[in-house]
Amino acid sequence: MSTVKSLATFVASLPFPATRRWQLLSAVGVVKAAVGVERGVRFWNTNVSIGAGSYLNREATFEGKGRITVGTRVAIGPGVMILTSTHDVGPSEWRAGGGVPEFLSVSIGDGSWIGARATILPGVTIGRGCVIAAGSVVREDCPDDTFWAGIPAVLKRDLPLGSDHETPAIEAP
């Protein structure tokens, strides 16, 4: 594990308020905007961009070397895994040893909500305003404003667009 990744994971475990932890993570170059970061968030990947007003709950994991982009006002539930590394299946003697790792980007659109213990697989794009149910395994792209659930996650329904209330401005704490 690189020094920056180790430092980021250490900083994410410090007993500071979630609204202040982002400032320390910003100092090591992992988080660049005002976000809530609970204790125990793991950064195995520092090629991460997290939008303002987002929230990372306990034990969320950012894995691999592929780019991870999280939009503004995204809620990441506890235990969520965002994976960017994969490889081919190897021969029967060693199935997991199949070749050189490949790193695929993951993107999560503004306003989305990723439920507890969901897994986002490499190369997936989750659109704006999506909801991913707790425990789901997302292996395909999710269009804007849709609700997905299951293993593998499947489209359950479209979600309504917009709202009747004004969204408050995001301010740094």
N, C-alpha and C. Protein backbone atom coordinates (compact mmCIF):
# COMPACT_ATOMS: atom_id res chain seq x y z
N MET A 1 0.86 -1.17 0.00
CA MET A 1 0.00 0.00 0.00
C MET A 1 0.90 1.23 0.00
N SER A 2 0.60 2.19 -0.85
CA SER A 2 1.42 3.40 -0.94
C SER A 2 1.27 4.24 0.31
N THR A 3 2.21 5.15 0.51
CA THR A 3 2.19 6.03 1.67
C THR A 3 0.92 6.88 1.68
N VAL A 4 0.53 7.43 0.52
CA VAL A 4 -0.68 8.27 0.47
C VAL A 4 -1.92 7.46 0.80
N LYS A 5 -2.02 6.22 0.25
CA LYS A 5 -3.17 5.39 0.56
C LYS A 5 -3.22 5.05 2.04
N SER A 6 -2.07 4.69 2.62
CA SER A 6 -2.01 4.37 4.04
C SER A 6 -2.39 5.58 4.88
N LEU A 7 -1.86 6.74 4.51
CA LEU A 7 -2.15 7.97 5.25
C LEU A 7 -3.64 8.32 5.13
N ALA A 8 -4.21 8.18 3.94
CA ALA A 8 -5.63 8.49 3.75
C ALA A 8 -6.50 7.58 4.59
N THR A 9 -6.21 6.29 4.63
CA THR A 9 -6.99 5.35 5.43
C THR A 9 -6.82 5.66 6.91
N PHE A 10 -5.61 6.02 7.34
CA PHE A 10 -5.36 6.40 8.73
C PHE A 10 -6.16 7.64 9.10
N VAL A 11 -6.08 8.66 8.25
CA VAL A 11 -6.79 9.92 8.52
C VAL A 11 -8.30 9.65 8.60
N ALA A 12 -8.81 8.79 7.73
CA ALA A 12 -10.25 8.49 7.73
C ALA A 12 -10.67 7.75 8.99
N SER A 13 -9.72 7.21 9.76
CA SER A 13 -10.06 6.49 10.98
C SER A 13 -9.93 7.35 12.24
N LEU A 14 -9.43 8.58 12.11
CA LEU A 14 -9.23 9.44 13.27
C LEU A 14 -10.56 9.87 13.89
N PRO A 15 -10.56 10.07 15.22
CA PRO A 15 -11.81 10.43 15.92
C PRO A 15 -12.16 11.91 15.81
N PHE A 16 -12.36 12.38 14.59
CA PHE A 16 -12.79 13.74 14.34
C PHE A 16 -14.22 13.69 13.79
N PRO A 17 -14.97 14.79 13.90
CA PRO A 17 -16.31 14.80 13.31
C PRO A 17 -16.25 14.57 11.80
N ALA A 18 -17.24 13.89 11.27
CA ALA A 18 -17.27 13.58 9.83
C ALA A 18 -17.17 14.84 8.98
N THR A 19 -17.71 15.93 9.46
CA THR A 19 -17.69 17.18 8.70
C THR A 19 -16.32 17.85 8.71
N ARG A 20 -15.41 17.39 9.57
CA ARG A 20 -14.05 17.95 9.61
C ARG A 20 -13.02 17.01 9.00
N ARG A 21 -13.31 15.73 9.01
CA ARG A 21 -12.35 14.73 8.52
C ARG A 21 -11.97 15.00 7.06
N TRP A 22 -12.90 15.55 6.28
CA TRP A 22 -12.62 15.84 4.88
C TRP A 22 -11.46 16.81 4.73
N GLN A 23 -11.32 17.73 5.68
CA GLN A 23 -10.23 18.71 5.58
C GLN A 23 -8.87 18.03 5.69
N LEU A 24 -8.75 17.04 6.56
CA LEU A 24 -7.50 16.28 6.67
C LEU A 24 -7.26 15.45 5.41
N LEU A 25 -8.32 14.84 4.89
CA LEU A 25 -8.17 14.05 3.66
C LEU A 25 -7.80 14.95 2.49
N SER A 26 -8.28 16.17 2.51
CA SER A 26 -7.92 17.13 1.47
C SER A 26 -6.42 17.43 1.52
N ALA A 27 -5.87 17.49 2.71
CA ALA A 27 -4.44 17.77 2.87
C ALA A 27 -3.56 16.69 2.25
N VAL A 28 -4.06 15.44 2.20
CA VAL A 28 -3.28 14.37 1.57
C VAL A 28 -3.72 14.13 0.12
N GLY A 29 -4.63 14.98 -0.38
CA GLY A 29 -4.98 14.95 -1.79
C GLY A 29 -6.04 13.96 -2.20
N VAL A 30 -6.77 13.39 -1.26
CA VAL A 30 -7.78 12.39 -1.61
C VAL A 30 -9.15 13.03 -1.82
N VAL A 31 -9.54 13.90 -0.91
CA VAL A 31 -10.83 14.56 -0.98
C VAL A 31 -10.58 16.04 -1.24
N LYS A 32 -11.28 16.61 -2.23
CA LYS A 32 -11.00 17.99 -2.61
C LYS A 32 -12.17 18.94 -2.36
N ALA A 33 -13.22 18.47 -1.71
CA ALA A 33 -14.38 19.31 -1.47
C ALA A 33 -14.95 18.99 -0.10
N ALA A 34 -15.86 19.83 0.36
CA ALA A 34 -16.50 19.63 1.67
C ALA A 34 -17.42 18.42 1.61
N VAL A 35 -17.00 17.35 2.25
CA VAL A 35 -17.80 16.13 2.30
C VAL A 35 -17.78 15.60 3.73
N GLY A 36 -18.80 14.83 4.07
CA GLY A 36 -18.82 14.15 5.35
C GLY A 36 -18.14 12.79 5.20
N VAL A 37 -17.16 12.51 6.03
CA VAL A 37 -16.42 11.25 5.96
C VAL A 37 -16.43 10.62 7.34
N GLU A 38 -17.13 9.52 7.50
CA GLU A 38 -17.17 8.82 8.78
C GLU A 38 -15.88 8.03 9.00
N ARG A 39 -15.67 7.62 10.24
CA ARG A 39 -14.49 6.82 10.56
C ARG A 39 -14.51 5.48 9.84
N GLY A 40 -13.32 5.00 9.48
CA GLY A 40 -13.19 3.67 8.92
C GLY A 40 -13.32 3.60 7.41
N VAL A 41 -13.49 4.73 6.73
CA VAL A 41 -13.51 4.71 5.26
C VAL A 41 -12.12 4.33 4.78
N ARG A 42 -12.05 3.42 3.78
CA ARG A 42 -10.76 2.92 3.30
C ARG A 42 -10.48 3.42 1.89
N PHE A 43 -9.31 3.99 1.72
CA PHE A 43 -8.87 4.44 0.40
C PHE A 43 -7.71 3.56 -0.05
N TRP A 44 -7.99 2.51 -0.83
CA TRP A 44 -6.95 1.69 -1.45
C TRP A 44 -6.58 2.34 -2.77
N ASN A 45 -7.30 3.40 -3.10
CA ASN A 45 -7.15 4.09 -4.37
C ASN A 45 -7.16 5.58 -4.06
N THR A 46 -6.16 6.31 -4.54
CA THR A 46 -6.16 7.75 -4.33
C THR A 46 -6.53 8.50 -5.60
N ASN A 47 -6.92 7.78 -6.64
CA ASN A 47 -7.39 8.39 -7.89
C ASN A 47 -8.90 8.60 -7.76
N VAL A 48 -9.28 9.38 -6.75
CA VAL A 48 -10.68 9.54 -6.36
C VAL A 48 -11.04 11.02 -6.36
N SER A 49 -12.22 11.34 -6.90
CA SER A 49 -12.76 12.68 -6.85
C SER A 49 -14.14 12.60 -6.24
N ILE A 50 -14.36 13.35 -5.17
CA ILE A 50 -15.65 13.31 -4.47
C ILE A 50 -16.23 14.71 -4.44
N GLY A 51 -17.44 14.86 -4.96
CA GLY A 51 -18.08 16.16 -5.07
C GLY A 51 -18.55 16.71 -3.74
N ALA A 52 -18.69 18.02 -3.71
CA ALA A 52 -19.13 18.74 -2.52
C ALA A 52 -20.50 18.24 -2.05
N GLY A 53 -20.66 18.23 -0.73
CA GLY A 53 -21.93 17.84 -0.14
C GLY A 53 -22.18 16.35 -0.10
N SER A 54 -21.21 15.54 -0.53
CA SER A 54 -21.37 14.08 -0.49
C SER A 54 -21.07 13.57 0.91
N TYR A 55 -21.48 12.32 1.17
CA TYR A 55 -21.32 11.72 2.49
C TYR A 55 -20.84 10.29 2.33
N LEU A 56 -19.73 9.95 3.00
CA LEU A 56 -19.16 8.61 2.97
C LEU A 56 -19.34 7.98 4.35
N ASN A 57 -20.14 6.93 4.41
CA ASN A 57 -20.42 6.32 5.70
C ASN A 57 -19.33 5.32 6.07
N ARG A 58 -19.41 4.80 7.28
CA ARG A 58 -18.38 3.91 7.84
C ARG A 58 -18.08 2.72 6.93
N GLU A 59 -16.77 2.38 6.88
CA GLU A 59 -16.28 1.19 6.20
C GLU A 59 -16.49 1.19 4.69
N ALA A 60 -16.84 2.33 4.09
CA ALA A 60 -16.89 2.40 2.62
C ALA A 60 -15.46 2.19 2.11
N THR A 61 -15.33 1.49 0.98
CA THR A 61 -14.01 1.17 0.44
C THR A 61 -13.90 1.64 -1.00
N PHE A 62 -12.81 2.36 -1.29
CA PHE A 62 -12.48 2.82 -2.64
C PHE A 62 -11.26 2.04 -3.08
N GLU A 63 -11.41 1.08 -4.02
CA GLU A 63 -10.39 0.09 -4.34
C GLU A 63 -9.79 0.29 -5.72
N GLY A 64 -8.60 -0.20 -5.92
CA GLY A 64 -7.96 -0.29 -7.23
C GLY A 64 -7.21 0.95 -7.64
N LYS A 65 -6.86 1.00 -8.93
CA LYS A 65 -6.12 2.14 -9.47
C LYS A 65 -6.91 2.88 -10.54
N GLY A 66 -8.10 2.40 -10.88
CA GLY A 66 -8.94 3.10 -11.84
C GLY A 66 -9.56 4.33 -11.21
N ARG A 67 -9.92 5.29 -12.03
CA ARG A 67 -10.52 6.54 -11.57
C ARG A 67 -11.89 6.27 -10.94
N ILE A 68 -12.13 6.88 -9.78
CA ILE A 68 -13.44 6.84 -9.13
C ILE A 68 -13.92 8.28 -9.01
N THR A 69 -15.07 8.56 -9.64
CA THR A 69 -15.64 9.90 -9.59
C THR A 69 -17.00 9.82 -8.91
N VAL A 70 -17.14 10.56 -7.82
CA VAL A 70 -18.39 10.62 -7.06
C VAL A 70 -18.88 12.06 -7.19
N GLY A 71 -20.11 12.23 -7.66
CA GLY A 71 -20.66 13.56 -7.89
C GLY A 71 -20.98 14.31 -6.61
N THR A 72 -21.71 15.42 -6.75
CA THR A 72 -22.12 16.21 -5.59
C THR A 72 -23.35 15.59 -4.94
N ARG A 73 -23.45 15.79 -3.64
CA ARG A 73 -24.60 15.33 -2.85
C ARG A 73 -24.89 13.84 -3.00
N VAL A 74 -23.84 13.04 -3.09
CA VAL A 74 -23.99 11.59 -3.18
C VAL A 74 -23.87 11.00 -1.78
N ALA A 75 -24.75 10.07 -1.43
CA ALA A 75 -24.68 9.38 -0.15
C ALA A 75 -24.17 7.96 -0.40
N ILE A 76 -23.05 7.64 0.24
CA ILE A 76 -22.45 6.30 0.15
C ILE A 76 -22.69 5.63 1.50
N GLY A 77 -23.47 4.55 1.50
CA GLY A 77 -23.84 3.87 2.74
C GLY A 77 -22.69 3.10 3.37
N PRO A 78 -22.91 2.60 4.60
CA PRO A 78 -21.87 1.86 5.30
C PRO A 78 -21.52 0.56 4.57
N GLY A 79 -20.22 0.28 4.50
CA GLY A 79 -19.76 -0.98 3.92
C GLY A 79 -19.81 -1.05 2.41
N VAL A 80 -20.11 0.04 1.73
CA VAL A 80 -20.15 0.03 0.26
C VAL A 80 -18.74 -0.23 -0.27
N MET A 81 -18.64 -1.05 -1.32
CA MET A 81 -17.36 -1.29 -1.98
C MET A 81 -17.45 -0.79 -3.41
N ILE A 82 -16.52 0.09 -3.77
CA ILE A 82 -16.42 0.59 -5.14
C ILE A 82 -15.11 0.03 -5.70
N LEU A 83 -15.23 -0.88 -6.65
CA LEU A 83 -14.09 -1.63 -7.17
C LEU A 83 -13.73 -1.16 -8.57
N THR A 84 -12.42 -1.05 -8.84
CA THR A 84 -11.98 -0.66 -10.18
C THR A 84 -11.03 -1.67 -10.80
N SER A 85 -10.59 -2.67 -10.06
CA SER A 85 -9.63 -3.62 -10.63
C SER A 85 -10.29 -4.95 -10.96
N THR A 86 -9.84 -5.52 -12.07
CA THR A 86 -10.35 -6.81 -12.52
C THR A 86 -9.24 -7.51 -13.32
N HIS A 87 -9.47 -8.75 -13.69
CA HIS A 87 -8.52 -9.48 -14.55
C HIS A 87 -9.27 -10.64 -15.18
N ASP A 88 -8.68 -11.20 -16.21
CA ASP A 88 -9.27 -12.37 -16.86
C ASP A 88 -9.22 -13.57 -15.93
N VAL A 89 -10.10 -14.53 -16.17
CA VAL A 89 -10.09 -15.78 -15.43
C VAL A 89 -8.94 -16.63 -15.95
N GLY A 90 -8.15 -17.15 -15.03
CA GLY A 90 -6.99 -17.96 -15.39
C GLY A 90 -7.34 -19.42 -15.62
N PRO A 91 -6.31 -20.23 -15.84
CA PRO A 91 -6.53 -21.67 -16.07
C PRO A 91 -7.03 -22.35 -14.79
N SER A 92 -7.46 -23.60 -14.91
CA SER A 92 -8.05 -24.31 -13.77
C SER A 92 -7.08 -24.44 -12.60
N GLU A 93 -5.78 -24.38 -12.85
CA GLU A 93 -4.81 -24.47 -11.76
C GLU A 93 -4.82 -23.22 -10.87
N TRP A 94 -5.23 -22.07 -11.45
CA TRP A 94 -5.23 -20.83 -10.67
C TRP A 94 -6.17 -19.82 -11.35
N ARG A 95 -7.45 -19.93 -11.08
CA ARG A 95 -8.47 -19.10 -11.73
C ARG A 95 -8.26 -17.60 -11.50
N ALA A 96 -7.82 -17.23 -10.29
CA ALA A 96 -7.65 -15.81 -9.99
C ALA A 96 -6.33 -15.27 -10.51
N GLY A 97 -5.51 -16.10 -11.09
CA GLY A 97 -4.21 -15.65 -11.55
C GLY A 97 -4.17 -15.37 -13.03
N GLY A 98 -5.30 -15.07 -13.61
CA GLY A 98 -5.42 -14.94 -15.06
C GLY A 98 -4.96 -13.63 -15.64
N GLY A 99 -3.69 -13.38 -15.63
CA GLY A 99 -3.18 -12.24 -16.38
C GLY A 99 -2.97 -10.98 -15.58
N VAL A 100 -2.72 -9.93 -16.34
CA VAL A 100 -2.40 -8.62 -15.78
C VAL A 100 -3.69 -7.92 -15.35
N PRO A 101 -3.67 -7.28 -14.18
CA PRO A 101 -4.87 -6.57 -13.75
C PRO A 101 -5.23 -5.44 -14.72
N GLU A 102 -6.52 -5.21 -14.83
CA GLU A 102 -7.03 -4.11 -15.63
C GLU A 102 -7.80 -3.20 -14.69
N PHE A 103 -7.67 -1.88 -14.88
CA PHE A 103 -8.32 -0.93 -14.00
C PHE A 103 -9.34 -0.13 -14.80
N LEU A 104 -10.60 -0.23 -14.40
CA LEU A 104 -11.70 0.42 -15.10
C LEU A 104 -12.34 1.48 -14.21
N SER A 105 -12.61 2.63 -14.76
CA SER A 105 -13.18 3.74 -14.00
C SER A 105 -14.60 3.45 -13.54
N VAL A 106 -14.97 4.07 -12.43
CA VAL A 106 -16.33 4.02 -11.91
C VAL A 106 -16.77 5.46 -11.70
N SER A 107 -18.02 5.76 -12.08
CA SER A 107 -18.57 7.10 -11.91
C SER A 107 -19.95 7.00 -11.27
N ILE A 108 -20.18 7.85 -10.28
CA ILE A 108 -21.48 7.91 -9.60
C ILE A 108 -22.00 9.34 -9.73
N GLY A 109 -23.17 9.49 -10.35
CA GLY A 109 -23.73 10.80 -10.67
C GLY A 109 -24.25 11.57 -9.47
N ASP A 110 -24.37 12.87 -9.67
CA ASP A 110 -24.86 13.79 -8.64
C ASP A 110 -26.18 13.30 -8.04
N GLY A 111 -26.28 13.45 -6.72
CA GLY A 111 -27.54 13.18 -6.03
C GLY A 111 -27.88 11.72 -5.82
N SER A 112 -27.02 10.80 -6.21
CA SER A 112 -27.32 9.37 -6.07
C SER A 112 -27.16 8.90 -4.64
N TRP A 113 -27.77 7.77 -4.33
CA TRP A 113 -27.73 7.17 -3.01
C TRP A 113 -27.36 5.71 -3.19
N ILE A 114 -26.22 5.31 -2.61
CA ILE A 114 -25.76 3.92 -2.68
C ILE A 114 -25.98 3.30 -1.32
N GLY A 115 -26.87 2.31 -1.24
CA GLY A 115 -27.26 1.70 0.02
C GLY A 115 -26.17 0.86 0.66
N ALA A 116 -26.35 0.58 1.94
CA ALA A 116 -25.38 -0.17 2.74
C ALA A 116 -24.95 -1.47 2.06
N ARG A 117 -23.65 -1.71 2.11
CA ARG A 117 -23.03 -2.95 1.63
C ARG A 117 -23.27 -3.25 0.15
N ALA A 118 -23.66 -2.25 -0.62
CA ALA A 118 -23.73 -2.44 -2.07
C ALA A 118 -22.31 -2.55 -2.62
N THR A 119 -22.17 -3.24 -3.74
CA THR A 119 -20.88 -3.38 -4.41
C THR A 119 -21.03 -2.84 -5.82
N ILE A 120 -20.14 -1.91 -6.19
CA ILE A 120 -20.12 -1.34 -7.53
C ILE A 120 -18.91 -1.95 -8.24
N LEU A 121 -19.14 -2.69 -9.31
CA LEU A 121 -18.07 -3.40 -10.01
C LEU A 121 -17.34 -2.48 -11.00
N PRO A 122 -16.12 -2.88 -11.40
CA PRO A 122 -15.30 -2.05 -12.30
C PRO A 122 -16.02 -1.68 -13.60
N GLY A 123 -15.82 -0.43 -14.03
CA GLY A 123 -16.33 0.03 -15.30
C GLY A 123 -17.75 0.54 -15.30
N VAL A 124 -18.41 0.56 -14.14
CA VAL A 124 -19.82 0.94 -14.05
C VAL A 124 -19.97 2.46 -13.94
N THR A 125 -21.00 2.97 -14.63
CA THR A 125 -21.41 4.36 -14.48
C THR A 125 -22.82 4.37 -13.91
N ILE A 126 -22.98 5.01 -12.77
CA ILE A 126 -24.29 5.18 -12.15
C ILE A 126 -24.72 6.61 -12.43
N GLY A 127 -25.85 6.77 -13.05
CA GLY A 127 -26.33 8.08 -13.47
C GLY A 127 -26.74 8.97 -12.32
N ARG A 128 -27.11 10.20 -12.67
CA ARG A 128 -27.57 11.20 -11.72
C ARG A 128 -28.88 10.76 -11.08
N GLY A 129 -29.00 10.95 -9.76
CA GLY A 129 -30.26 10.71 -9.06
C GLY A 129 -30.67 9.26 -8.93
N CYS A 130 -29.72 8.34 -9.01
CA CYS A 130 -30.04 6.90 -8.88
C CYS A 130 -30.08 6.48 -7.42
N VAL A 131 -30.82 5.41 -7.16
CA VAL A 131 -30.81 4.74 -5.86
C VAL A 131 -30.40 3.31 -6.11
N ILE A 132 -29.37 2.86 -5.36
CA ILE A 132 -28.92 1.48 -5.42
C ILE A 132 -29.26 0.86 -4.06
N ALA A 133 -30.09 -0.18 -4.06
CA ALA A 133 -30.57 -0.79 -2.82
C ALA A 133 -29.42 -1.44 -2.05
N ALA A 134 -29.58 -1.49 -0.74
CA ALA A 134 -28.60 -2.13 0.13
C ALA A 134 -28.33 -3.56 -0.33
N GLY A 135 -27.04 -3.94 -0.32
CA GLY A 135 -26.64 -5.30 -0.65
C GLY A 135 -26.59 -5.62 -2.13
N SER A 136 -26.92 -4.69 -2.97
CA SER A 136 -26.93 -4.95 -4.42
C SER A 136 -25.52 -5.06 -4.98
N VAL A 137 -25.39 -5.78 -6.09
CA VAL A 137 -24.13 -5.87 -6.83
C VAL A 137 -24.39 -5.28 -8.21
N VAL A 138 -23.80 -4.10 -8.46
CA VAL A 138 -24.04 -3.38 -9.71
C VAL A 138 -22.95 -3.74 -10.70
N ARG A 139 -23.36 -4.34 -11.83
CA ARG A 139 -22.39 -4.76 -12.85
C ARG A 139 -22.64 -4.12 -14.21
N GLU A 140 -23.67 -3.27 -14.29
CA GLU A 140 -23.95 -2.58 -15.55
C GLU A 140 -24.30 -1.13 -15.26
N ASP A 141 -24.20 -0.31 -16.30
CA ASP A 141 -24.50 1.10 -16.16
C ASP A 141 -25.96 1.31 -15.79
N CYS A 142 -26.21 2.34 -14.97
CA CYS A 142 -27.55 2.66 -14.50
C CYS A 142 -27.92 4.05 -15.01
N PRO A 143 -28.97 4.16 -15.84
CA PRO A 143 -29.38 5.47 -16.35
C PRO A 143 -29.84 6.40 -15.23
N ASP A 144 -29.84 7.70 -15.52
CA ASP A 144 -30.27 8.71 -14.55
C ASP A 144 -31.64 8.38 -13.97
N ASP A 145 -31.81 8.73 -12.68
CA ASP A 145 -33.11 8.68 -11.99
C ASP A 145 -33.78 7.32 -12.08
N THR A 146 -33.02 6.29 -11.71
CA THR A 146 -33.56 4.93 -11.69
C THR A 146 -33.23 4.26 -10.37
N PHE A 147 -34.03 3.24 -10.01
CA PHE A 147 -33.85 2.47 -8.78
C PHE A 147 -33.44 1.05 -9.15
N TRP A 148 -32.31 0.59 -8.58
CA TRP A 148 -31.75 -0.73 -8.88
C TRP A 148 -31.62 -1.53 -7.60
N ALA A 149 -31.86 -2.86 -7.68
CA ALA A 149 -31.74 -3.73 -6.52
C ALA A 149 -31.44 -5.15 -6.98
N GLY A 150 -30.76 -5.90 -6.10
CA GLY A 150 -30.56 -7.32 -6.33
C GLY A 150 -29.12 -7.71 -6.61
N ILE A 151 -28.95 -9.05 -6.75
CA ILE A 151 -27.66 -9.64 -7.09
C ILE A 151 -27.89 -10.56 -8.28
N PRO A 152 -27.51 -10.13 -9.47
CA PRO A 152 -27.00 -8.80 -9.80
C PRO A 152 -28.13 -7.77 -9.75
N ALA A 153 -27.73 -6.51 -9.62
CA ALA A 153 -28.72 -5.43 -9.57
C ALA A 153 -29.45 -5.34 -10.90
N VAL A 154 -30.77 -5.20 -10.81
CA VAL A 154 -31.60 -5.03 -12.00
C VAL A 154 -32.47 -3.77 -11.79
N LEU A 155 -32.86 -3.19 -12.90
CA LEU A 155 -33.72 -2.00 -12.85
C LEU A 155 -35.07 -2.39 -12.27
N LYS A 156 -35.46 -1.70 -11.20
CA LYS A 156 -36.76 -1.94 -10.57
C LYS A 156 -37.80 -0.94 -11.04
N ARG A 157 -37.38 0.33 -11.19
CA ARG A 157 -38.33 1.34 -11.66
C ARG A 157 -37.61 2.65 -11.92
N ASP A 158 -38.28 3.52 -12.66
CA ASP A 158 -37.81 4.88 -12.85
C ASP A 158 -38.21 5.68 -11.62
N LEU A 159 -37.42 6.69 -11.32
CA LEU A 159 -37.71 7.56 -10.18
C LEU A 159 -38.19 8.92 -10.69
N PRO A 160 -39.02 9.61 -9.89
CA PRO A 160 -39.51 10.92 -10.33
C PRO A 160 -38.35 11.91 -10.46
N LEU A 161 -38.52 12.84 -11.39
CA LEU A 161 -37.51 13.87 -11.60
C LEU A 161 -37.78 15.06 -10.70
N GLY A 162 -36.70 15.71 -10.23
CA GLY A 162 -36.83 16.96 -9.50
C GLY A 162 -37.61 16.84 -8.21
N SER A 163 -37.92 18.01 -7.65
CA SER A 163 -38.69 18.06 -6.41
C SER A 163 -39.38 19.42 -6.31
N ASP A 164 -40.25 19.53 -5.32
CA ASP A 164 -40.96 20.78 -5.11
C ASP A 164 -40.21 21.72 -4.18
N HIS A 165 -39.13 21.25 -3.57
CA HIS A 165 -38.40 22.12 -2.63
C HIS A 165 -37.05 22.53 -3.22
N GLU A 166 -36.56 23.65 -2.73
CA GLU A 166 -35.28 24.17 -3.21
C GLU A 166 -34.15 23.47 -2.47
N THR A 167 -33.13 23.04 -3.21
CA THR A 167 -31.98 22.39 -2.61
C THR A 167 -31.05 23.45 -2.03
N PRO A 168 -30.68 23.33 -0.75
CA PRO A 168 -29.82 24.35 -0.14
C PRO A 168 -28.43 24.35 -0.74
N ALA A 169 -27.77 25.49 -0.70
CA ALA A 169 -26.41 25.61 -1.20
C ALA A 169 -25.47 24.79 -0.32
N ILE A 170 -24.38 24.31 -0.91
CA ILE A 170 -23.38 23.57 -0.16
C ILE A 170 -22.36 24.56 0.36
N GLU A 171 -22.11 24.51 1.66
CA GLU A 171 -21.14 25.40 2.27
C GLU A 171 -20.10 24.57 3.01
N ALA A 172 -18.87 24.99 2.93
CA ALA A 172 -17.81 24.33 3.68
C ALA A 172 -18.02 24.58 5.16
N PRO A 173 -17.90 23.54 5.99
CA PRO A 173 -18.09 23.73 7.44
C PRO A 173 -16.98 24.56 8.05
